[in-house]
N, C-alpha and C. Protein backbone atom coordinates (compact mmCIF):
# COMPACT_ATOMS: atom_id res chain seq x y z
N MET A 1 14.65 5.80 69.96
CA MET A 1 15.43 5.12 70.00
C MET A 1 15.58 4.99 71.79
N GLN A 2 13.89 5.12 72.31
CA GLN A 2 13.58 5.41 73.49
C GLN A 2 13.62 3.13 73.56
N PHE A 3 12.53 2.74 72.13
CA PHE A 3 11.92 1.29 72.19
C PHE A 3 13.65 0.56 71.79
N PHE A 4 15.25 1.27 71.09
CA PHE A 4 15.91 0.45 70.95
C PHE A 4 16.44 -0.28 72.41
N ILE A 5 16.34 0.87 73.28
CA ILE A 5 17.21 0.88 75.00
C ILE A 5 15.94 -0.92 75.10
N SER A 6 14.86 0.39 74.62
CA SER A 6 14.36 -0.95 75.95
C SER A 6 14.38 -2.26 75.27
N ALA A 7 14.24 -2.33 74.23
CA ALA A 7 14.91 -3.98 73.25
C ALA A 7 15.86 -3.86 73.76
N VAL A 8 17.18 -3.68 73.80
CA VAL A 8 17.96 -3.47 74.44
C VAL A 8 18.36 -4.08 75.35
N LEU A 9 18.18 -3.33 76.68
CA LEU A 9 17.50 -4.02 78.14
C LEU A 9 17.12 -5.46 77.54
N PHE A 10 15.51 -5.13 77.40
CA PHE A 10 15.02 -6.83 77.40
C PHE A 10 16.04 -8.00 77.23
N ILE A 11 16.35 -7.77 75.76
CA ILE A 11 16.98 -8.97 75.38
C ILE A 11 18.75 -9.54 76.92
N VAL A 12 19.27 -8.12 77.62
CA VAL A 12 20.31 -8.74 78.01
C VAL A 12 19.37 -9.15 79.41
N LEU A 13 18.49 -9.25 80.22
CA LEU A 13 17.19 -9.34 80.68
C LEU A 13 17.27 -10.88 80.64
N PHE A 14 17.48 -11.47 79.43
CA PHE A 14 16.84 -12.56 79.19
C PHE A 14 18.19 -13.54 79.32
N ILE A 15 19.18 -12.60 78.88
CA ILE A 15 20.18 -13.50 78.74
C ILE A 15 20.27 -14.49 80.05
N VAL A 16 20.58 -12.94 80.54
CA VAL A 16 21.24 -13.64 82.76
C VAL A 16 19.94 -13.52 82.60
N LEU A 17 18.82 -13.45 82.84
CA LEU A 17 18.25 -15.27 83.92
C LEU A 17 17.86 -16.11 82.80
N ARG A 18 18.32 -16.77 81.88
CA ARG A 18 18.20 -18.06 81.14
C ARG A 18 19.53 -18.62 82.27
N LEU A 19 20.97 -17.97 81.63
CA LEU A 19 22.25 -18.59 82.49
C LEU A 19 21.90 -18.53 84.13
N SER A 20 20.87 -17.63 84.72
CA SER A 20 20.68 -17.90 85.82
C SER A 20 20.33 -19.59 85.70
N LEU A 21 19.84 -19.31 85.55
CA LEU A 21 18.39 -20.66 85.47
C LEU A 21 19.68 -21.96 85.22
N HIS A 22 19.73 -21.22 83.82
CA HIS A 22 21.05 -22.63 83.60
C HIS A 22 21.86 -23.10 84.70
N PHE A 23 23.35 -22.86 85.06
CA PHE A 23 23.78 -22.56 86.77
C PHE A 23 23.21 -22.89 87.72
N GLY A 24 22.16 -22.56 87.53
CA GLY A 24 21.16 -22.41 89.08
C GLY A 24 20.82 -23.89 89.20
N LEU A 25 20.39 -24.77 87.90
CA LEU A 25 20.19 -26.14 87.66
C LEU A 25 21.78 -27.28 88.12
N HIS A 26 23.14 -26.48 87.74
CA HIS A 26 23.25 -27.00 87.63
C HIS A 26 24.32 -27.02 89.03
N TRP A 27 24.06 -26.25 89.73
CA TRP A 27 24.36 -26.16 90.81
C TRP A 27 23.75 -26.81 91.78
N ARG A 28 22.22 -27.37 91.69
CA ARG A 28 21.74 -28.19 92.34
C ARG A 28 22.70 -29.18 92.36
N ARG A 29 21.77 -29.80 90.64
CA ARG A 29 22.80 -31.17 90.62
C ARG A 29 23.42 -31.74 91.45
N LYS A 30 24.38 -31.19 91.03
CA LYS A 30 26.22 -31.03 91.94
C LYS A 30 26.09 -30.77 93.13
N LEU A 31 24.94 -30.81 94.43
CA LEU A 31 25.01 -29.89 95.67
C LEU A 31 24.46 -31.25 95.92
N SER A 32 23.93 -32.35 94.92
CA SER A 32 22.86 -33.09 95.22
C SER A 32 23.66 -34.36 94.80
N THR A 33 24.94 -34.07 94.17
CA THR A 33 25.95 -35.44 94.32
C THR A 33 26.69 -35.08 95.15
N ARG A 34 26.77 -34.23 96.93
CA ARG A 34 27.89 -34.25 97.37
C ARG A 34 28.58 -35.34 98.37
N LEU A 35 29.07 -35.84 98.07
CA LEU A 35 30.48 -37.23 98.23
C LEU A 35 30.54 -36.95 100.50
N ILE A 36 30.17 -38.31 100.49
CA ILE A 36 30.95 -38.10 102.58
C ILE A 36 32.89 -37.74 102.41
N ALA A 37 33.17 -37.42 103.65
CA ALA A 37 33.81 -37.41 104.06
C ALA A 37 34.54 -38.76 103.64
N GLY A 38 36.44 -38.99 103.17
CA GLY A 38 37.13 -40.38 102.74
C GLY A 38 36.20 -41.07 101.35
N GLU A 39 35.22 -40.93 100.88
CA GLU A 39 35.32 -40.97 100.28
C GLU A 39 35.54 -40.79 98.22
N LYS A 40 36.52 -41.55 97.97
CA LYS A 40 36.92 -41.50 96.60
C LYS A 40 35.81 -41.25 95.04
N ILE A 41 36.03 -40.56 94.57
CA ILE A 41 35.14 -40.53 93.16
C ILE A 41 36.08 -41.34 92.03
N LEU A 42 34.86 -42.74 92.19
CA LEU A 42 36.28 -43.58 90.49
C LEU A 42 35.42 -42.80 89.53
N ARG A 43 34.51 -42.60 88.79
CA ARG A 43 33.60 -42.36 87.84
C ARG A 43 33.03 -40.99 87.88
N GLU A 44 32.58 -39.99 86.69
CA GLU A 44 31.45 -39.06 87.75
C GLU A 44 31.43 -38.79 85.55
N GLN A 45 29.96 -38.41 85.51
CA GLN A 45 29.69 -37.37 84.18
C GLN A 45 28.95 -36.53 84.90
N ASP A 46 28.91 -35.60 83.71
CA ASP A 46 27.75 -34.71 84.11
C ASP A 46 27.12 -34.08 82.91
N PHE A 47 25.50 -34.35 82.74
CA PHE A 47 25.13 -32.83 82.06
C PHE A 47 24.65 -33.94 80.96
N ILE A 48 24.03 -35.41 82.53
CA ILE A 48 23.81 -36.33 80.50
C ILE A 48 22.42 -36.46 80.84
N SER A 49 21.50 -36.58 79.11
CA SER A 49 20.10 -36.54 79.52
C SER A 49 20.04 -37.72 79.15
N LEU A 50 19.19 -37.90 80.37
CA LEU A 50 18.63 -39.16 81.04
C LEU A 50 16.19 -38.67 80.80
N LYS A 51 15.83 -40.33 80.47
CA LYS A 51 14.64 -40.06 80.75
C LYS A 51 14.25 -41.33 81.95
N VAL A 52 13.90 -40.92 82.54
CA VAL A 52 13.38 -41.89 83.80
C VAL A 52 11.70 -42.10 84.59
N LEU A 53 11.75 -43.09 84.41
CA LEU A 53 10.45 -44.13 84.30
C LEU A 53 10.37 -44.58 85.32
N SER A 54 9.27 -44.68 86.58
CA SER A 54 8.78 -44.65 88.75
C SER A 54 7.76 -45.78 87.77
N ASN A 55 6.93 -46.20 88.39
CA ASN A 55 6.01 -47.43 89.17
C ASN A 55 4.91 -46.55 89.91
N LYS A 56 5.66 -45.22 90.42
CA LYS A 56 4.43 -44.41 91.74
C LYS A 56 4.98 -43.16 91.13
N THR A 57 4.13 -42.28 90.81
CA THR A 57 3.94 -40.56 91.21
C THR A 57 4.47 -40.00 92.69
N LEU A 58 6.22 -39.07 92.69
CA LEU A 58 6.93 -38.76 92.98
C LEU A 58 7.02 -37.07 93.10
N THR A 59 6.80 -36.43 94.25
CA THR A 59 6.67 -35.28 94.29
C THR A 59 7.77 -34.64 93.71
N THR A 60 9.17 -35.59 93.03
CA THR A 60 10.14 -34.90 93.32
C THR A 60 10.65 -34.88 91.59
N GLY A 61 9.47 -35.19 90.84
CA GLY A 61 9.48 -35.13 89.85
C GLY A 61 8.78 -35.97 88.71
N PRO A 62 9.55 -37.57 88.10
CA PRO A 62 8.38 -38.75 87.52
C PRO A 62 7.00 -38.41 87.68
N VAL A 63 5.69 -39.17 86.81
CA VAL A 63 4.53 -39.42 86.83
C VAL A 63 4.84 -40.60 86.58
N ALA A 64 3.99 -41.92 87.14
CA ALA A 64 3.89 -43.14 87.37
C ALA A 64 3.02 -43.33 85.77
N GLY A 65 4.20 -44.47 85.33
CA GLY A 65 3.95 -44.61 84.26
C GLY A 65 4.33 -44.10 83.22
N GLN A 66 4.70 -42.69 82.88
CA GLN A 66 5.57 -41.80 82.17
C GLN A 66 6.45 -40.86 81.44
N ALA A 67 8.14 -40.88 80.66
CA ALA A 67 8.39 -41.18 81.20
C ALA A 67 9.11 -39.70 81.41
N MET A 68 9.94 -39.19 82.11
CA MET A 68 10.44 -38.16 82.68
C MET A 68 11.92 -37.73 81.74
N GLN A 69 12.00 -37.25 80.39
CA GLN A 69 13.39 -36.11 80.00
C GLN A 69 13.93 -35.21 80.77
N THR A 70 15.03 -35.77 80.89
CA THR A 70 15.32 -34.16 82.22
C THR A 70 17.29 -34.61 80.92
N THR A 71 17.98 -34.03 82.13
CA THR A 71 20.07 -33.36 81.77
C THR A 71 19.95 -33.84 83.78
N GLY A 72 20.71 -34.63 84.22
CA GLY A 72 21.49 -35.33 85.43
C GLY A 72 23.13 -35.49 85.58
N ARG A 73 22.91 -35.10 86.28
CA ARG A 73 24.20 -36.16 86.77
C ARG A 73 24.43 -37.19 87.61
N MET A 74 26.08 -37.63 86.79
CA MET A 74 26.14 -39.13 87.91
C MET A 74 28.34 -39.35 88.09
N VAL A 75 27.44 -39.37 89.52
CA VAL A 75 29.05 -39.79 90.54
C VAL A 75 29.22 -41.53 91.18
N LEU A 76 29.98 -42.15 90.67
CA LEU A 76 30.33 -43.85 90.59
C LEU A 76 31.63 -42.83 92.07
N THR A 77 30.81 -43.56 93.30
CA THR A 77 31.55 -43.49 94.10
C THR A 77 32.69 -44.69 94.96
N ASP A 78 33.12 -45.05 95.94
CA ASP A 78 33.74 -46.41 96.15
C ASP A 78 32.34 -46.92 96.72
N ARG A 79 32.09 -45.87 97.48
CA ARG A 79 30.48 -46.40 98.48
C ARG A 79 29.21 -46.18 97.71
N ARG A 80 29.33 -45.82 96.85
CA ARG A 80 28.36 -45.13 96.33
C ARG A 80 27.28 -44.90 94.79
N LEU A 81 27.19 -45.41 94.29
CA LEU A 81 25.66 -44.39 92.84
C LEU A 81 25.19 -43.63 93.29
N LEU A 82 25.70 -41.87 92.57
CA LEU A 82 24.22 -41.06 92.93
C LEU A 82 23.69 -40.80 91.33
N VAL A 83 23.21 -40.55 91.62
CA VAL A 83 22.62 -39.94 89.88
C VAL A 83 21.68 -38.52 90.69
N ALA A 84 21.40 -38.11 90.17
CA ALA A 84 20.64 -36.89 90.81
C ALA A 84 20.70 -35.57 89.10
N THR A 85 19.30 -34.49 89.78
CA THR A 85 18.60 -34.35 87.88
C THR A 85 18.17 -32.78 88.50
N ASN A 86 17.25 -32.56 87.68
CA ASN A 86 17.07 -31.59 88.12
C ASN A 86 15.92 -30.91 89.76
N HIS A 87 15.80 -31.97 89.62
CA HIS A 87 14.45 -32.62 90.89
C HIS A 87 14.97 -32.95 92.20
N GLY A 88 16.83 -33.12 91.96
CA GLY A 88 17.36 -33.72 92.90
C GLY A 88 18.09 -34.85 92.89
N ARG A 89 18.15 -35.06 94.21
CA ARG A 89 18.67 -37.07 94.38
C ARG A 89 17.52 -37.30 93.94
N MET A 90 17.61 -38.46 93.01
CA MET A 90 17.06 -39.77 92.75
C MET A 90 17.10 -41.14 92.39
N LEU A 91 18.90 -40.97 93.50
CA LEU A 91 18.67 -42.84 92.97
C LEU A 91 20.45 -42.85 93.66
N GLU A 92 20.47 -43.40 94.59
CA GLU A 92 21.66 -43.59 95.32
C GLU A 92 21.57 -45.31 95.92
N LEU A 93 22.69 -46.35 94.41
CA LEU A 93 22.25 -46.84 95.47
C LEU A 93 24.19 -47.30 95.94
N SER A 94 23.90 -48.20 97.47
CA SER A 94 24.50 -48.32 97.66
C SER A 94 24.83 -49.60 98.54
N GLU A 95 25.06 -50.62 99.40
CA GLU A 95 25.46 -51.94 100.24
C GLU A 95 24.40 -51.96 100.60
N GLY A 96 23.08 -51.11 100.75
CA GLY A 96 22.08 -51.34 101.54
C GLY A 96 20.47 -50.89 100.31
N ASN A 97 20.64 -50.59 99.28
CA ASN A 97 19.77 -50.18 98.60
C ASN A 97 20.34 -50.50 96.89
N LEU A 98 20.31 -51.97 96.89
CA LEU A 98 21.54 -52.24 95.68
C LEU A 98 20.11 -52.47 94.73
N GLY A 99 20.62 -52.39 93.10
CA GLY A 99 19.76 -52.12 92.02
C GLY A 99 21.00 -52.69 90.64
N GLN A 100 20.96 -52.34 89.63
CA GLN A 100 20.99 -53.24 88.04
C GLN A 100 21.81 -52.05 87.22
N ALA A 101 22.70 -52.31 86.26
CA ALA A 101 23.09 -51.39 85.50
C ALA A 101 22.93 -52.19 84.04
N ARG A 102 22.44 -51.83 82.81
CA ARG A 102 22.59 -52.86 81.23
C ARG A 102 22.84 -51.76 80.60
N ALA A 103 24.52 -52.37 79.65
CA ALA A 103 24.45 -50.91 77.97
C ALA A 103 23.79 -52.07 77.59
N VAL A 104 22.68 -51.45 76.61
CA VAL A 104 22.05 -51.56 76.11
C VAL A 104 22.21 -51.77 74.65
N GLY A 105 22.64 -50.49 74.39
CA GLY A 105 23.51 -49.90 73.45
C GLY A 105 24.62 -49.07 73.07
N PRO A 106 24.74 -48.44 71.74
CA PRO A 106 26.21 -48.27 71.85
C PRO A 106 25.46 -46.60 72.49
N ARG A 107 26.22 -46.19 73.79
CA ARG A 107 26.65 -44.46 74.79
C ARG A 107 24.83 -44.92 75.16
N ARG A 108 24.22 -46.81 75.59
CA ARG A 108 22.99 -46.30 76.03
C ARG A 108 23.13 -46.94 77.27
N LEU A 109 22.39 -46.46 78.76
CA LEU A 109 22.73 -47.80 79.24
C LEU A 109 21.70 -47.57 80.51
N VAL A 110 21.30 -48.23 81.13
CA VAL A 110 19.90 -48.69 82.20
C VAL A 110 20.41 -49.19 83.69
N VAL A 111 19.66 -47.86 84.60
CA VAL A 111 19.70 -49.13 86.19
C VAL A 111 18.72 -48.02 86.13
N LEU A 112 18.69 -49.44 87.32
CA LEU A 112 16.89 -49.72 87.99
C LEU A 112 17.82 -49.70 89.04
N GLY A 113 16.81 -48.47 89.90
CA GLY A 113 16.78 -48.73 91.60
C GLY A 113 15.85 -48.23 92.25
N LYS A 114 15.85 -47.91 93.56
CA LYS A 114 14.64 -47.39 94.66
C LYS A 114 15.27 -46.10 95.24
N HIS A 115 13.42 -45.48 94.61
CA HIS A 115 13.78 -44.36 95.35
C HIS A 115 15.11 -43.66 96.14
N PRO A 116 15.82 -42.61 96.82
CA PRO A 116 16.75 -42.62 98.16
C PRO A 116 15.70 -42.98 98.88
N ALA A 117 14.91 -42.13 99.16
CA ALA A 117 13.36 -42.58 100.05
C ALA A 117 13.03 -43.98 100.09
N GLY A 118 12.92 -44.35 99.32
CA GLY A 118 12.23 -46.03 98.98
C GLY A 118 10.47 -46.09 98.55
N LYS A 119 10.17 -44.50 98.27
CA LYS A 119 9.15 -44.64 97.18
C LYS A 119 8.63 -45.21 96.26
N ALA A 120 8.86 -45.26 95.37
CA ALA A 120 9.80 -46.23 93.75
C ALA A 120 10.41 -46.59 93.07
N ASP A 121 9.94 -47.46 93.27
CA ASP A 121 11.42 -48.22 91.32
C ASP A 121 11.78 -47.38 90.00
N LEU A 122 12.58 -47.42 90.65
CA LEU A 122 13.38 -46.13 89.01
C LEU A 122 13.72 -46.77 88.16
N ARG A 123 13.83 -46.34 86.81
CA ARG A 123 14.56 -46.74 86.06
C ARG A 123 15.15 -45.49 84.59
N PHE A 124 15.87 -45.62 84.92
CA PHE A 124 17.34 -44.66 84.69
C PHE A 124 17.34 -45.01 82.55
N GLU A 125 17.54 -44.49 82.14
CA GLU A 125 17.70 -44.26 80.42
C GLU A 125 18.31 -43.37 79.87
N MET A 126 19.88 -43.34 80.22
CA MET A 126 20.61 -42.50 80.23
C MET A 126 21.57 -42.78 78.76
N VAL A 127 22.06 -41.94 78.63
CA VAL A 127 23.26 -41.62 77.04
C VAL A 127 25.10 -41.09 77.63
N VAL A 128 25.84 -42.40 77.84
CA VAL A 128 27.06 -42.11 78.78
C VAL A 128 27.79 -42.12 77.27
N ASP A 129 29.20 -42.01 78.16
CA ASP A 129 30.51 -42.42 77.07
C ASP A 129 30.98 -43.82 77.85
N GLN A 130 31.33 -45.10 77.57
CA GLN A 130 32.28 -46.34 78.18
C GLN A 130 30.84 -46.97 78.52
N GLU A 131 29.81 -46.34 78.12
CA GLU A 131 28.08 -47.32 78.75
C GLU A 131 28.88 -49.33 79.00
N VAL A 132 29.92 -49.95 79.17
CA VAL A 132 29.88 -51.36 79.49
C VAL A 132 30.66 -50.94 81.01
N ASP A 133 31.62 -49.62 80.74
CA ASP A 133 32.74 -49.92 82.12
C ASP A 133 31.75 -49.12 83.29
N TRP A 134 30.81 -48.73 83.08
CA TRP A 134 29.81 -48.04 83.70
C TRP A 134 29.16 -49.12 84.54
N ALA A 135 28.75 -49.68 82.96
CA ALA A 135 27.51 -50.92 83.82
C ALA A 135 28.64 -51.80 84.49
N THR A 136 29.47 -52.33 84.48
CA THR A 136 30.84 -53.39 84.92
C THR A 136 30.62 -52.78 87.11
N LEU A 137 31.13 -51.55 86.30
CA LEU A 137 31.56 -51.06 87.58
C LEU A 137 30.58 -51.02 88.41
N ILE A 138 28.82 -50.48 87.63
CA ILE A 138 28.09 -50.53 89.45
C ILE A 138 27.50 -51.76 89.23
N ASN A 139 27.41 -53.19 88.48
CA ASN A 139 26.95 -54.06 88.66
C ASN A 139 27.70 -55.05 89.80
N THR A 140 29.09 -55.40 89.81
CA THR A 140 30.36 -55.65 91.26
C THR A 140 30.40 -55.37 92.21
N ARG A 141 29.60 -53.59 92.39
CA ARG A 141 29.64 -53.45 94.30
C ARG A 141 27.86 -53.16 94.43
N PHE A 142 27.31 -53.51 93.59
CA PHE A 142 25.30 -52.65 94.01
C PHE A 142 24.38 -53.50 92.78
N MET A 143 24.94 -55.15 92.84
CA MET A 143 24.42 -56.29 92.05
C MET A 143 23.12 -56.82 92.99
N SER A 144 21.76 -56.08 92.02
CA SER A 144 20.90 -57.08 93.05
C SER A 144 20.56 -58.54 92.77
N ASP A 145 19.68 -59.42 92.73
CA ASP A 145 19.44 -60.71 92.49
C ASP A 145 18.27 -60.74 91.81
N LYS A 146 17.78 -59.39 93.35
CA LYS A 146 15.57 -59.23 92.71
C LYS A 146 15.12 -58.11 91.87
N LEU A 147 15.03 -57.85 90.94
CA LEU A 147 14.75 -57.09 89.59
C LEU A 147 14.14 -55.90 90.46
N PRO A 148 13.13 -54.42 90.53
CA PRO A 148 12.86 -53.81 90.92
C PRO A 148 11.13 -54.72 90.10
N GLU A 149 10.47 -54.49 91.25
CA GLU A 149 9.52 -55.00 89.72
C GLU A 149 8.22 -53.47 89.71
N GLY A 150 8.04 -53.95 88.38
CA GLY A 150 6.58 -52.53 88.50
C GLY A 150 6.08 -52.49 87.09
N GLU A 151 5.49 -52.41 86.44
CA GLU A 151 4.53 -51.74 85.26
C GLU A 151 5.86 -51.31 84.32
N CYS A 152 6.26 -49.86 84.75
CA CYS A 152 7.45 -49.62 83.76
C CYS A 152 9.00 -50.37 84.00
N LEU A 153 9.20 -51.11 84.76
CA LEU A 153 10.31 -52.00 85.04
C LEU A 153 10.37 -53.06 84.23
């Protein structure tokens, strides 16, 4: 009987820890995409499957030349595009920090830009609904004439 109680307690504890991890990471993505007062959300999508490529190793996630698979959140406002992962804010496109987006296939969107700290050029390959609309909105607001340079881009 004592073994049964221990097993049930272990399973319950495992489920509670797993749920707290899941919601903790979701909360971190949500906090990383906080808006400035007065910004209006044009589009947002949560729980995006992301592949992140970087030309330099970052302490917040990707290693140079290696793909990092993660879950993310993307928010497009009237002033900025924010992409946050479990590692925090990875991309912020605005008037001073431009980038590009391309719809490369059904539900496939590629966004190119710089890390918010300017440390690396990043490439995000993501699975989103209405990828053509996302690419059009991003490019009309934040299109850069010069593509970021780098091996993985």
